[in-house]
Amino acid sequence: MAGEQDSYDYIVAGAGSAGCCVAARLSESGKYRVLLLEAGPEDKSPWIHMPMGYAKLFAHPQLNWMYESEPEPELQGRTLYQPRGKVLGGTSSINGMVYMRGNPADYNEWRQRGCTGWDWDSVLPYFKKAEDQERGPSATHGVGGPLHVGEHPVKWELADHWIAAAIEAGLPRNDDFNDGVQDGAGHFQCTMNQARRWSTATAYLRPAKNRPNLVVATEALATRVLFEGGRAVGLAYTQRGAAREARARGEVVVCGGVYNSPQLLQLSGIGPAELLRRHGIEVVRDLGDVGAQLQDHFYVRLAFRCTRPITLNEVGNSIWRRAAAGVQYGLFRSGPLASNGICAGGFAKSDPRLDRPDIQLNFSTWSFAGRDRKGAHPHPFPGFSVSAVHLRPEARGSVEIKSADPTAPPAIRFNFLKTRSDLEALTAGMRLARKITRQPAMAPFVAEEILPGAAVETDAEFEAAIRTYALSNLHPVGTCRMGADPEAVVDPRLRVNGVGHLRVVDASVMPAVPAGNTNAPTIMIAEKAADMILEDARRAA
């Protein structure tokens, strides 16, 4: 445990997808003393390590920040639930475990925006460095890295039929969405190993935890970055009710995630000056984009009643099936509980004139009546879902502190559906998802469309359904945007603009959201950032 005031070479605030990687890499040589702070507890819950346990973590108040957005004007004033990991491993300990890098063109666009060193050719080595690919090495995949990436451990009959139906509907078959070509339909890979979740706490932190130069402090909430002479010199935090401080001889690295990183910067006096003064916070650096440029994928779930009892709904609705599944998983690491449920999908264009896919389809072997702070509740009959996800929404939102209290959740605003193009793209995605389920390979398994319902046919009816049912896809990025311009929060080496010895390393630095799930890109960013931090230390020596 860290003392009330202790000294380190590096302090890493947040032990999530990025923080576990950064702390492990910075402590790897044994040369530097590293403190890693995590607001939540250790990752001891059995629900974390069992793949299907993530349904139990979706609204777990001890392991989840359980944030809620502000009312969304274009979504009938609905708020959008935002689960984020509050535990070692962060959201990688509670997410759906899908491994998806995004499109190479996403990273080339980052470079075009001034983010030198973040084009596809530059980031691919870090994806490979992190990866232990079950299929073996290739030009685009690595082996021997901390993060195990492999096939879904459960073979679902429905998934095979859905892929066949997608091909019948015109999508090409794609056996690897992460080798540079996204278009098509196929099975998803996942971050599991021997039917257990492979979070960054497991992949990076567990092998490093016994290093004498690495201190991991749990239940330790970072409350303020400490500054002297225009540079970060430490961090104030609370641990189990006690106020503490730690000093950094080298750098403070903020890895709190898309909501907590801008919150910590704002609490520390870095952000829009008017916002900070409103809450009585002394302005260290007037930086208007701290908390701005929030982006997320946006989706609507199409739910179907299945004609056969071959889905996860039957397990969720029967105490006896749940018990049998628990025994099967405990003895053999197999069966429904070894599944994450999101086992197949595809990528397509909402408009054939586009240069690359802007729609992701996620096939899930369950259907549910609702998804909120009380969890997800399966329909009382066999069912499956297809989510149509818009990957390039034009909406931009914000994250702002509501007070100077570090325990108060920030105000989260997405501003979804501010443009017509976002609505049209999602409508096209929903039509494609429905078209696939009506193909010969899938039609025998469809008893009826439950949500939004087969009666929804016109553009106006789809728009009404989107405004009623669409949700954040829980892939937020951008609130500490990287760039070369003076308004950017961090530069391409992830150093906070105008402040010395302070970096942000997590999904908040992404200048635009990649086309796919964001956990793998976040780990890539952490791998690259650790290299840059160590390189800068060698230069300064």
Protein backbone atom coordinates (compact mmCIF):
# COMPACT_ATOMS: atom_id res chain seq x y z
CA MET A 1 0.00 0.00 0.00
CA ALA A 2 1.19 3.52 -0.80
CA GLY A 3 1.99 5.75 2.14
CA GLU A 4 0.27 9.04 2.95
CA GLN A 5 2.96 10.70 0.85
CA ASP A 6 5.34 8.59 -1.18
CA SER A 7 7.59 9.09 -4.20
CA TYR A 8 7.60 7.23 -7.52
CA ASP A 9 9.03 7.61 -10.98
CA TYR A 10 5.59 7.23 -12.56
CA ILE A 11 2.06 7.44 -11.21
CA VAL A 12 -0.67 5.84 -13.32
CA ALA A 13 -4.22 6.91 -12.42
CA GLY A 14 -6.69 4.22 -13.43
CA ALA A 15 -6.12 0.45 -13.77
CA GLY A 16 -8.37 -0.15 -16.76
CA SER A 17 -7.72 -1.38 -20.28
CA ALA A 18 -4.94 1.18 -20.73
CA GLY A 19 -3.67 1.64 -17.17
CA CYS A 20 -2.85 -2.03 -16.51
CA CYS A 21 -0.85 -2.17 -19.73
CA VAL A 22 1.01 1.10 -19.09
CA ALA A 23 1.90 0.21 -15.48
CA ALA A 24 3.10 -3.26 -16.48
CA ARG A 25 5.26 -1.97 -19.31
CA LEU A 26 6.76 0.93 -17.30
CA SER A 27 7.71 -1.42 -14.47
CA GLU A 28 8.97 -4.20 -16.74
CA SER A 29 12.67 -3.32 -16.66
CA GLY A 30 12.77 -2.91 -12.88
CA LYS A 31 14.42 0.47 -13.35
CA TYR A 32 11.41 2.63 -12.49
CA ARG A 33 9.17 2.68 -9.43
CA VAL A 34 5.52 2.78 -10.50
CA LEU A 35 2.32 3.45 -8.57
CA LEU A 36 -0.95 2.26 -10.13
CA LEU A 37 -4.17 3.63 -8.60
CA GLU A 38 -7.59 2.03 -9.08
CA ALA A 39 -10.82 3.44 -7.63
CA GLY A 40 -12.41 0.00 -7.49
CA PRO A 41 -11.45 -3.29 -5.82
CA GLU A 42 -9.36 -6.21 -7.02
CA ASP A 43 -10.83 -8.40 -9.75
CA LYS A 44 -11.75 -11.28 -7.43
CA SER A 45 -15.42 -11.67 -8.35
CA PRO A 46 -15.99 -15.03 -10.12
CA TRP A 47 -18.45 -13.27 -12.44
CA ILE A 48 -15.53 -11.36 -13.96
CA HIS A 49 -13.66 -14.45 -15.12
CA MET A 50 -16.65 -16.45 -16.37
CA PRO A 51 -17.51 -15.11 -19.87
CA MET A 52 -21.30 -15.11 -19.44
CA GLY A 53 -20.80 -13.54 -16.03
CA TYR A 54 -20.65 -10.15 -17.73
CA ALA A 55 -24.46 -10.11 -17.65
CA LYS A 56 -24.11 -9.98 -13.85
CA LEU A 57 -21.56 -7.15 -14.09
CA PHE A 58 -23.66 -4.92 -16.32
CA ALA A 59 -25.22 -3.21 -13.31
CA HIS A 60 -22.94 -4.27 -10.43
CA PRO A 61 -22.56 -1.22 -8.15
CA GLN A 62 -19.32 -2.40 -6.53
CA LEU A 63 -17.56 -3.10 -9.85
CA ASN A 64 -19.22 -0.61 -12.17
CA TRP A 65 -19.41 3.20 -12.22
CA MET A 66 -22.99 2.86 -13.54
CA TYR A 67 -23.04 6.29 -15.13
CA GLU A 68 -26.13 7.78 -16.77
CA SER A 69 -26.19 10.38 -19.53
CA GLU A 70 -28.15 13.59 -19.39
CA PRO A 71 -31.55 13.47 -21.19
CA GLU A 72 -31.06 13.24 -24.96
CA PRO A 73 -33.25 15.80 -26.79
CA GLU A 74 -33.53 13.78 -30.03
CA LEU A 75 -34.31 10.53 -28.19
CA GLN A 76 -37.52 11.62 -26.49
CA GLY A 77 -35.60 12.89 -23.50
CA ARG A 78 -34.29 9.43 -22.62
CA THR A 79 -31.13 9.03 -20.58
CA LEU A 80 -28.58 6.43 -21.72
CA TYR A 81 -27.06 4.06 -19.17
CA GLN A 82 -23.25 3.95 -19.29
CA PRO A 83 -21.65 0.97 -17.50
CA ARG A 84 -17.89 1.40 -17.03
CA GLY A 85 -15.55 -0.87 -15.10
CA LYS A 86 -14.64 0.17 -11.55
CA VAL A 87 -12.26 -2.69 -10.77
CA LEU A 88 -8.78 -3.86 -11.74
CA GLY A 89 -8.97 -4.26 -15.50
CA GLY A 90 -11.55 -1.51 -15.79
CA THR A 91 -14.06 -2.03 -18.55
CA SER A 92 -11.99 -4.93 -19.92
CA SER A 93 -13.18 -6.78 -16.79
CA ILE A 94 -16.88 -6.22 -17.50
CA ASN A 95 -17.22 -5.88 -21.30
CA GLY A 96 -18.39 -8.30 -24.00
CA MET A 97 -14.81 -9.41 -24.86
CA VAL A 98 -15.10 -8.89 -28.64
CA TYR A 99 -11.68 -8.34 -30.24
CA MET A 100 -11.95 -5.77 -33.02
CA ARG A 101 -9.25 -3.35 -34.17
CA GLY A 102 -11.19 -1.10 -36.53
CA ASN A 103 -10.50 -0.23 -40.13
CA PRO A 104 -6.95 0.65 -41.28
CA ALA A 105 -8.38 3.79 -42.89
CA ASP A 106 -9.47 4.98 -39.41
CA TYR A 107 -5.86 5.27 -38.32
CA ASN A 108 -4.73 6.79 -41.59
CA GLU A 109 -7.33 9.48 -40.98
CA TRP A 110 -5.87 10.07 -37.51
CA ARG A 111 -2.57 10.77 -39.26
CA GLN A 112 -4.29 13.11 -41.72
CA ARG A 113 -5.66 15.05 -38.74
CA GLY A 114 -2.09 15.72 -37.61
CA CYS A 115 -1.54 12.72 -35.34
CA THR A 116 1.90 11.78 -36.65
CA GLY A 117 2.85 8.19 -35.88
CA TRP A 118 -0.74 6.94 -35.61
CA ASP A 119 -1.36 5.72 -39.16
CA TRP A 120 -2.15 2.04 -39.72
CA ASP A 121 1.41 1.03 -40.54
CA SER A 122 2.60 2.71 -37.34
CA VAL A 123 0.00 1.21 -34.98
CA LEU A 124 -0.07 -2.32 -36.42
CA PRO A 125 3.18 -3.32 -34.64
CA TYR A 126 1.55 -2.42 -31.31
CA PHE A 127 -1.59 -4.44 -32.05
CA LYS A 128 0.76 -7.34 -32.80
CA LYS A 129 2.94 -6.70 -29.74
CA ALA A 130 -0.09 -6.93 -27.45
CA GLU A 131 -1.52 -10.03 -29.12
CA ASP A 132 -1.22 -13.74 -28.52
CA GLN A 133 -3.22 -14.91 -31.51
CA GLU A 134 -4.62 -18.42 -31.22
CA ARG A 135 -4.39 -18.87 -35.00
CA GLY A 136 -0.65 -18.20 -35.02
CA PRO A 137 1.51 -15.40 -36.41
CA SER A 138 0.97 -13.66 -39.73
CA ALA A 139 1.67 -10.35 -41.41
CA THR A 140 -1.12 -8.77 -39.36
CA HIS A 141 -1.17 -10.88 -36.19
CA GLY A 142 1.26 -11.52 -33.36
CA VAL A 143 1.90 -14.32 -30.88
CA GLY A 144 3.50 -14.26 -27.47
CA GLY A 145 1.92 -10.99 -26.33
CA PRO A 146 -0.01 -10.67 -23.07
CA LEU A 147 -3.50 -10.45 -24.65
CA HIS A 148 -4.89 -13.81 -25.70
CA VAL A 149 -7.12 -13.58 -28.77
CA GLY A 150 -8.98 -16.63 -29.96
CA GLU A 151 -12.09 -18.27 -31.33
CA HIS A 152 -15.38 -18.23 -29.52
CA PRO A 153 -15.30 -21.28 -27.20
CA VAL A 154 -18.95 -22.21 -27.88
CA LYS A 155 -20.18 -23.16 -31.33
CA TRP A 156 -23.71 -21.85 -31.80
CA GLU A 157 -25.85 -23.37 -34.53
CA LEU A 158 -27.70 -20.09 -34.93
CA ALA A 159 -24.48 -18.18 -35.56
CA ASP A 160 -23.55 -20.43 -38.47
CA HIS A 161 -27.01 -19.99 -39.99
CA TRP A 162 -26.87 -16.21 -39.54
CA ILE A 163 -23.50 -16.01 -41.33
CA ALA A 164 -24.87 -18.13 -44.17
CA ALA A 165 -27.91 -15.85 -44.38
CA ALA A 166 -25.72 -12.74 -44.46
CA ILE A 167 -23.80 -14.22 -47.39
CA GLU A 168 -27.10 -15.00 -49.12
CA ALA A 169 -28.04 -11.34 -48.57
CA GLY A 170 -24.92 -10.22 -50.46
CA LEU A 171 -22.17 -9.84 -47.85
CA PRO A 172 -18.89 -11.63 -48.63
CA ARG A 173 -17.57 -14.16 -46.14
CA ASN A 174 -14.91 -12.73 -43.83
CA ASP A 175 -12.89 -15.05 -41.61
CA ASP A 176 -10.75 -12.30 -40.09
CA PHE A 177 -12.08 -8.80 -39.47
CA ASN A 178 -8.70 -7.70 -38.09
CA ASP A 179 -6.34 -8.29 -41.01
CA GLY A 180 -7.13 -5.06 -42.86
CA VAL A 181 -10.40 -5.86 -44.65
CA GLN A 182 -13.64 -5.47 -42.72
CA ASP A 183 -16.38 -6.02 -45.30
CA GLY A 184 -18.38 -9.21 -44.89
CA ALA A 185 -19.83 -11.59 -42.35
CA GLY A 186 -18.21 -14.17 -40.10
CA HIS A 187 -17.38 -15.28 -36.60
CA PHE A 188 -15.96 -12.77 -34.13
CA GLN A 189 -12.82 -13.45 -32.14
CA CYS A 190 -12.69 -12.65 -28.45
CA THR A 191 -10.30 -11.89 -25.59
CA MET A 192 -10.66 -15.18 -23.74
CA ASN A 193 -8.27 -17.97 -22.83
CA GLN A 194 -9.51 -21.47 -22.05
CA ALA A 195 -13.06 -20.14 -21.71
CA ARG A 196 -12.05 -17.43 -19.23
CA ARG A 197 -12.11 -13.68 -19.68
CA TRP A 198 -8.68 -12.28 -20.55
CA SER A 199 -8.87 -8.73 -19.20
CA THR A 200 -5.85 -6.43 -19.03
CA ALA A 201 -5.70 -7.15 -15.30
CA THR A 202 -5.21 -10.82 -16.15
CA ALA A 203 -3.05 -10.26 -19.22
CA TYR A 204 -0.74 -7.51 -17.99
CA LEU A 205 -1.10 -6.93 -14.28
CA ARG A 206 -1.15 -10.47 -12.92
CA PRO A 207 2.32 -11.35 -14.31
CA ALA A 208 3.67 -8.02 -13.02
CA LYS A 209 2.04 -7.77 -9.58
CA ASN A 210 4.95 -9.29 -7.62
CA ARG A 211 7.50 -6.86 -8.98
CA PRO A 212 8.98 -4.93 -6.05
CA ASN A 213 8.98 -1.72 -8.11
CA LEU A 214 5.23 -1.85 -8.87
CA VAL A 215 2.72 -0.75 -6.22
CA VAL A 216 -0.95 -1.36 -6.97
CA ALA A 217 -3.38 0.57 -4.75
CA THR A 218 -7.04 -0.45 -5.02
CA GLU A 219 -10.07 1.46 -3.71
CA ALA A 220 -7.92 4.54 -4.36
CA LEU A 221 -9.74 7.38 -6.13
CA ALA A 222 -7.56 9.99 -7.83
CA THR A 223 -8.94 13.40 -6.88
CA ARG A 224 -6.45 15.97 -8.21
CA VAL A 225 -3.21 16.25 -10.14
CA LEU A 226 -0.62 18.24 -8.18
CA PHE A 227 1.30 20.98 -9.99
CA GLU A 228 4.41 23.01 -9.31
CA GLY A 229 5.84 25.51 -11.77
CA GLY A 230 3.60 24.46 -14.64
CA ARG A 231 4.37 20.74 -14.41
CA ALA A 232 2.67 17.77 -12.80
CA VAL A 233 4.54 16.59 -9.69
CA GLY A 234 2.10 14.14 -8.15
CA LEU A 235 -1.41 13.09 -7.43
CA ALA A 236 -3.85 13.50 -4.56
CA TYR A 237 -6.16 10.57 -3.90
CA THR A 238 -8.38 9.03 -1.26
CA GLN A 239 -8.07 5.42 -0.18
CA ARG A 240 -10.73 3.89 2.06
CA GLY A 241 -11.57 7.28 3.51
CA ALA A 242 -7.99 8.49 4.04
CA ALA A 243 -6.55 11.42 2.08
CA ARG A 244 -3.17 10.67 0.54
CA GLU A 245 -0.63 12.16 -1.84
CA ALA A 246 2.00 10.57 -4.05
CA ARG A 247 4.84 12.41 -5.75
CA ALA A 248 6.14 11.69 -9.23
CA ARG A 249 9.78 12.22 -10.15
CA GLY A 250 8.93 11.47 -13.77
CA GLU A 251 5.36 11.72 -15.04
CA VAL A 252 1.73 11.43 -14.02
CA VAL A 253 -0.17 9.28 -16.53
CA VAL A 254 -3.96 9.65 -16.49
CA CYS A 255 -5.73 6.45 -17.62
CA GLY A 256 -9.20 7.02 -16.17
CA GLY A 257 -11.13 6.44 -19.38
CA VAL A 258 -13.41 8.58 -21.49
CA TYR A 259 -15.44 9.90 -18.57
CA ASN A 260 -13.03 9.89 -15.64
CA SER A 261 -9.96 11.29 -17.43
CA PRO A 262 -11.58 14.61 -18.45
CA GLN A 263 -13.24 14.72 -15.04
CA LEU A 264 -9.87 14.43 -13.27
CA LEU A 265 -8.28 17.04 -15.53
CA GLN A 266 -11.14 19.45 -14.89
CA LEU A 267 -10.99 18.86 -11.13
CA SER A 268 -7.26 19.60 -11.37
CA GLY A 269 -7.75 22.93 -13.12
CA ILE A 270 -7.26 21.85 -16.75
CA GLY A 271 -10.26 22.49 -18.97
CA PRO A 272 -12.66 25.21 -20.09
CA ALA A 273 -11.90 28.17 -17.80
CA GLU A 274 -15.55 29.21 -17.48
CA LEU A 275 -16.59 25.72 -16.35
CA LEU A 276 -13.76 25.52 -13.81
CA ARG A 277 -14.46 28.96 -12.32
CA ARG A 278 -18.15 28.14 -12.06
CA HIS A 279 -17.20 25.35 -9.66
CA GLY A 280 -14.56 27.31 -7.77
CA ILE A 281 -11.58 25.51 -9.29
CA GLU A 282 -8.37 27.45 -9.91
CA VAL A 283 -7.49 27.46 -13.61
CA VAL A 284 -4.11 25.84 -14.29
CA ARG A 285 -4.60 25.64 -18.06
CA ASP A 286 -7.56 26.97 -20.05
CA LEU A 287 -8.14 24.09 -22.48
CA GLY A 288 -11.60 24.14 -24.00
CA ASP A 289 -11.57 20.67 -25.55
CA VAL A 290 -11.12 18.84 -22.24
CA GLY A 291 -14.41 16.94 -22.06
CA ALA A 292 -15.49 18.02 -25.53
CA GLN A 293 -15.65 15.95 -28.73
CA LEU A 294 -17.36 12.95 -27.08
CA GLN A 295 -18.17 10.37 -29.77
CA ASP A 296 -19.79 6.96 -29.60
CA HIS A 297 -21.27 4.38 -31.90
CA PHE A 298 -25.06 4.38 -31.97
CA TYR A 299 -27.24 1.32 -32.44
CA VAL A 300 -30.68 -0.25 -32.54
CA ARG A 301 -31.27 -3.86 -31.56
CA LEU A 302 -33.61 -5.99 -33.64
CA ALA A 303 -35.00 -8.82 -31.51
CA PHE A 304 -36.57 -12.04 -32.78
CA ARG A 305 -38.50 -14.92 -31.27
CA CYS A 306 -36.73 -18.16 -32.24
CA THR A 307 -38.64 -21.24 -33.39
CA ARG A 308 -36.34 -23.61 -31.48
CA PRO A 309 -35.00 -23.71 -27.89
CA ILE A 310 -31.36 -23.20 -28.91
CA THR A 311 -30.65 -19.75 -27.40
CA LEU A 312 -29.35 -18.32 -24.14
CA ASN A 313 -32.83 -17.15 -23.17
CA GLU A 314 -33.75 -20.65 -22.05
CA VAL A 315 -30.78 -20.71 -19.69
CA GLY A 316 -31.56 -17.31 -18.23
CA ASN A 317 -35.20 -18.22 -17.62
CA SER A 318 -34.70 -21.59 -15.90
CA ILE A 319 -33.07 -22.12 -12.52
CA TRP A 320 -32.44 -25.75 -13.44
CA ARG A 321 -30.75 -24.89 -16.74
CA ARG A 322 -28.65 -22.27 -14.97
CA ALA A 323 -27.58 -24.82 -12.37
CA ALA A 324 -26.70 -27.39 -15.05
CA ALA A 325 -24.77 -24.75 -17.01
CA GLY A 326 -22.86 -23.82 -13.84
CA VAL A 327 -21.84 -27.43 -13.25
CA GLN A 328 -20.84 -27.87 -16.89
CA TYR A 329 -18.70 -24.74 -16.83
CA GLY A 330 -17.17 -25.55 -13.44
CA LEU A 331 -16.18 -29.08 -14.45
CA PHE A 332 -15.37 -28.74 -18.12
CA ARG A 333 -15.07 -24.99 -18.94
CA SER A 334 -17.75 -25.50 -21.57
CA GLY A 335 -21.43 -24.87 -22.17
CA PRO A 336 -23.48 -21.65 -22.22
CA LEU A 337 -21.52 -19.92 -19.44
CA ALA A 338 -18.33 -20.18 -21.52
CA SER A 339 -19.99 -17.94 -24.11
CA ASN A 340 -20.11 -14.17 -24.36
CA GLY A 341 -23.18 -14.52 -26.56
CA ILE A 342 -21.84 -12.09 -29.20
CA CYS A 343 -20.36 -14.68 -31.49
CA ALA A 344 -20.83 -13.47 -35.06
CA GLY A 345 -21.47 -10.39 -37.11
CA GLY A 346 -20.42 -8.36 -40.07
CA PHE A 347 -19.58 -5.02 -41.64
CA ALA A 348 -21.36 -3.30 -44.51
CA LYS A 349 -21.91 0.08 -46.14
CA SER A 350 -25.13 2.02 -45.54
CA ASP A 351 -24.56 3.60 -48.96
CA PRO A 352 -22.68 1.82 -51.78
CA ARG A 353 -20.87 5.07 -52.61
CA LEU A 354 -18.93 4.92 -49.31
CA ASP A 355 -15.28 3.87 -49.43
CA ARG A 356 -15.56 1.53 -46.44
CA PRO A 357 -18.15 0.05 -44.07
CA ASP A 358 -20.02 2.33 -41.69
CA ILE A 359 -22.39 -0.33 -40.31
CA GLN A 360 -21.48 -3.14 -37.92
CA LEU A 361 -23.92 -5.98 -37.34
CA ASN A 362 -23.63 -7.92 -34.07
CA PHE A 363 -25.42 -11.26 -33.81
CA SER A 364 -26.30 -12.35 -30.26
CA THR A 365 -27.79 -15.65 -29.09
CA TRP A 366 -30.26 -13.97 -26.75
CA SER A 367 -33.00 -11.36 -26.78
CA PHE A 368 -34.11 -9.19 -23.89
CA ALA A 369 -36.92 -6.89 -22.92
CA GLY A 370 -34.76 -4.09 -21.55
CA ARG A 371 -31.23 -2.94 -20.80
CA ASP A 372 -30.72 -0.41 -18.03
CA ARG A 373 -29.28 0.15 -14.55
CA LYS A 374 -31.23 -2.90 -13.34
CA GLY A 375 -29.51 -5.16 -15.88
CA ALA A 376 -30.72 -7.04 -18.94
CA HIS A 377 -33.85 -9.17 -18.71
CA PRO A 378 -34.28 -12.02 -21.25
CA HIS A 379 -37.59 -12.57 -22.98
CA PRO A 380 -39.52 -15.56 -21.54
CA PHE A 381 -39.07 -17.56 -24.77
CA PRO A 382 -36.22 -18.54 -27.11
CA GLY A 383 -34.84 -15.47 -28.86
CA PHE A 384 -31.89 -13.86 -30.59
CA SER A 385 -30.86 -10.32 -31.53
CA VAL A 386 -29.08 -8.47 -34.30
CA SER A 387 -27.70 -5.04 -33.48
CA ALA A 388 -27.31 -2.53 -36.30
CA VAL A 389 -24.52 -0.17 -35.26
CA HIS A 390 -23.67 3.11 -36.97
CA LEU A 391 -19.89 3.37 -36.82
CA ARG A 392 -19.37 6.97 -37.99
CA PRO A 393 -21.98 9.16 -36.32
CA GLU A 394 -21.56 12.89 -36.76
CA ALA A 395 -22.85 13.55 -33.23
CA ARG A 396 -20.42 15.21 -30.81
CA GLY A 397 -21.10 15.46 -27.11
CA SER A 398 -19.37 16.44 -23.89
CA VAL A 399 -18.31 15.39 -20.39
CA GLU A 400 -18.35 18.10 -17.71
CA ILE A 401 -17.99 18.08 -13.96
CA LYS A 402 -21.14 19.02 -12.06
CA SER A 403 -19.25 20.17 -8.97
CA ALA A 404 -15.80 20.21 -7.40
CA ASP A 405 -16.66 16.95 -5.60
CA PRO A 406 -14.52 14.17 -7.14
CA THR A 407 -17.07 11.54 -6.12
CA ALA A 408 -19.90 13.21 -8.05
CA PRO A 409 -20.55 11.69 -11.50
CA PRO A 410 -19.94 14.01 -14.45
CA ALA A 411 -22.60 15.28 -16.84
CA ILE A 412 -22.48 13.17 -20.02
CA ARG A 413 -24.16 14.44 -23.20
CA PHE A 414 -24.03 12.62 -26.55
CA ASN A 415 -26.28 14.80 -28.76
CA PHE A 416 -27.21 11.82 -30.91
CA LEU A 417 -29.25 12.32 -34.11
CA LYS A 418 -28.42 15.98 -34.57
CA THR A 419 -27.92 15.29 -38.29
CA ARG A 420 -30.13 13.60 -40.87
CA SER A 421 -27.26 11.48 -42.20
CA ASP A 422 -26.91 9.65 -38.87
CA LEU A 423 -30.58 8.73 -38.99
CA GLU A 424 -30.42 7.56 -42.60
CA ALA A 425 -27.35 5.39 -42.00
CA LEU A 426 -28.92 3.63 -39.02
CA THR A 427 -32.15 3.08 -40.96
CA ALA A 428 -30.14 1.39 -43.72
CA GLY A 429 -28.41 -0.79 -41.14
CA MET A 430 -31.71 -1.90 -39.65
CA ARG A 431 -33.12 -2.74 -43.08
CA LEU A 432 -30.04 -4.86 -43.81
CA ALA A 433 -30.31 -6.69 -40.48
CA ARG A 434 -33.93 -7.54 -41.21
CA LYS A 435 -33.10 -8.60 -44.79
CA ILE A 436 -30.55 -11.09 -43.49
CA THR A 437 -33.03 -12.75 -41.13
CA ARG A 438 -35.42 -13.29 -44.04
CA GLN A 439 -32.91 -15.26 -46.11
CA PRO A 440 -33.42 -19.04 -46.58
CA ALA A 441 -30.60 -19.98 -44.19
CA MET A 442 -32.17 -18.02 -41.30
CA ALA A 443 -35.89 -17.85 -42.02
CA PRO A 444 -36.72 -21.28 -40.48
CA PHE A 445 -35.49 -20.03 -37.09
CA VAL A 446 -37.56 -16.82 -37.06
CA ALA A 447 -40.99 -17.08 -35.47
CA GLU A 448 -41.52 -13.31 -35.42
CA GLU A 449 -39.71 -10.00 -35.16
CA ILE A 450 -40.37 -8.62 -31.68
CA LEU A 451 -38.45 -5.36 -31.89
CA PRO A 452 -39.12 -3.00 -33.55
CA GLY A 453 -41.69 -5.30 -35.18
CA ALA A 454 -42.44 -6.39 -38.74
CA ALA A 455 -45.06 -3.62 -39.07
CA VAL A 456 -42.26 -1.04 -39.13
CA GLU A 457 -41.67 -0.51 -42.87
CA THR A 458 -41.54 3.17 -43.86
CA ASP A 459 -38.67 5.57 -43.25
CA ALA A 460 -40.89 7.51 -40.86
CA GLU A 461 -41.65 4.34 -38.88
CA PHE A 462 -37.97 3.44 -38.72
CA GLU A 463 -37.17 6.96 -37.52
CA ALA A 464 -39.75 6.65 -34.76
CA ALA A 465 -38.30 3.29 -33.73
CA ILE A 466 -34.77 4.70 -33.66
CA ARG A 467 -35.80 7.65 -31.50
CA THR A 468 -37.62 5.25 -29.15
CA TYR A 469 -35.16 2.36 -28.89
CA ALA A 470 -31.67 3.38 -30.10
CA LEU A 471 -28.84 3.36 -27.56
CA SER A 472 -25.21 4.25 -27.06
CA ASN A 473 -23.10 1.27 -28.11
CA LEU A 474 -20.78 1.87 -25.12
CA HIS A 475 -17.74 2.72 -27.27
CA PRO A 476 -17.16 6.34 -26.18
CA VAL A 477 -13.96 8.14 -27.20
CA GLY A 478 -12.57 11.61 -27.83
CA THR A 479 -12.92 13.63 -24.62
CA CYS A 480 -9.16 14.29 -24.38
CA ARG A 481 -8.63 14.48 -28.11
CA MET A 482 -5.18 13.99 -29.61
CA GLY A 483 -4.01 16.40 -32.30
CA ALA A 484 -1.34 18.78 -33.51
CA ASP A 485 -3.54 21.89 -33.25
CA PRO A 486 -3.48 24.24 -30.21
CA GLU A 487 -7.02 23.20 -29.19
CA ALA A 488 -6.08 19.51 -28.88
CA VAL A 489 -5.94 18.20 -25.31
CA VAL A 490 -2.87 16.04 -25.96
CA ASP A 491 -0.21 16.06 -28.67
CA PRO A 492 0.68 12.96 -30.75
CA ARG A 493 2.94 11.79 -27.89
CA LEU A 494 -0.11 12.06 -25.60
CA ARG A 495 1.38 14.92 -23.54
CA VAL A 496 -1.21 17.35 -22.19
CA ASN A 497 -1.06 20.58 -24.14
CA GLY A 498 0.87 23.27 -22.23
CA VAL A 499 1.46 21.22 -19.07
CA GLY A 500 4.70 19.41 -18.30
CA HIS A 501 5.08 15.79 -17.17
CA LEU A 502 1.41 14.92 -17.64
CA ARG A 503 -0.07 12.53 -20.21
CA VAL A 504 -3.43 10.98 -20.92
CA VAL A 505 -3.44 7.39 -22.18
CA ASP A 506 -6.80 5.76 -22.88
CA ALA A 507 -9.71 5.86 -25.37
CA SER A 508 -10.33 9.53 -24.56
CA VAL A 509 -7.34 10.55 -26.73
CA MET A 510 -8.79 9.04 -29.93
CA PRO A 511 -9.48 11.86 -32.41
CA ALA A 512 -12.23 9.79 -34.04
CA VAL A 513 -13.93 6.57 -33.03
CA PRO A 514 -12.63 3.49 -34.91
CA ALA A 515 -15.01 1.28 -36.87
CA GLY A 516 -15.47 -1.49 -34.33
CA ASN A 517 -15.21 -2.31 -30.65
CA THR A 518 -12.78 -0.04 -28.82
CA ASN A 519 -11.02 -2.25 -26.27
CA ALA A 520 -8.31 -3.55 -28.63
CA PRO A 521 -7.50 -0.03 -29.94
CA THR A 522 -7.27 1.23 -26.34
CA ILE A 523 -4.72 -1.47 -25.49
CA MET A 524 -2.79 -0.61 -28.66
CA ILE A 525 -2.68 3.04 -27.55
CA ALA A 526 -1.35 1.98 -24.14
CA GLU A 527 1.38 -0.19 -25.68
CA LYS A 528 2.51 2.65 -27.93
CA ALA A 529 2.30 5.21 -25.13
CA ALA A 530 4.46 3.10 -22.81
CA ASP A 531 7.12 2.94 -25.52
CA MET A 532 6.99 6.72 -25.98
CA ILE A 533 7.22 7.40 -22.23
CA LEU A 534 10.25 5.13 -21.87
CA GLU A 535 11.84 6.62 -24.98
CA ASP A 536 11.42 10.14 -23.57
CA ALA A 537 12.93 9.01 -20.27
CA ARG A 538 16.01 7.66 -22.07
CA ARG A 539 16.41 10.91 -23.96
CA ALA A 540 16.16 12.95 -20.75
CA ALA A 541 18.71 10.79 -18.91
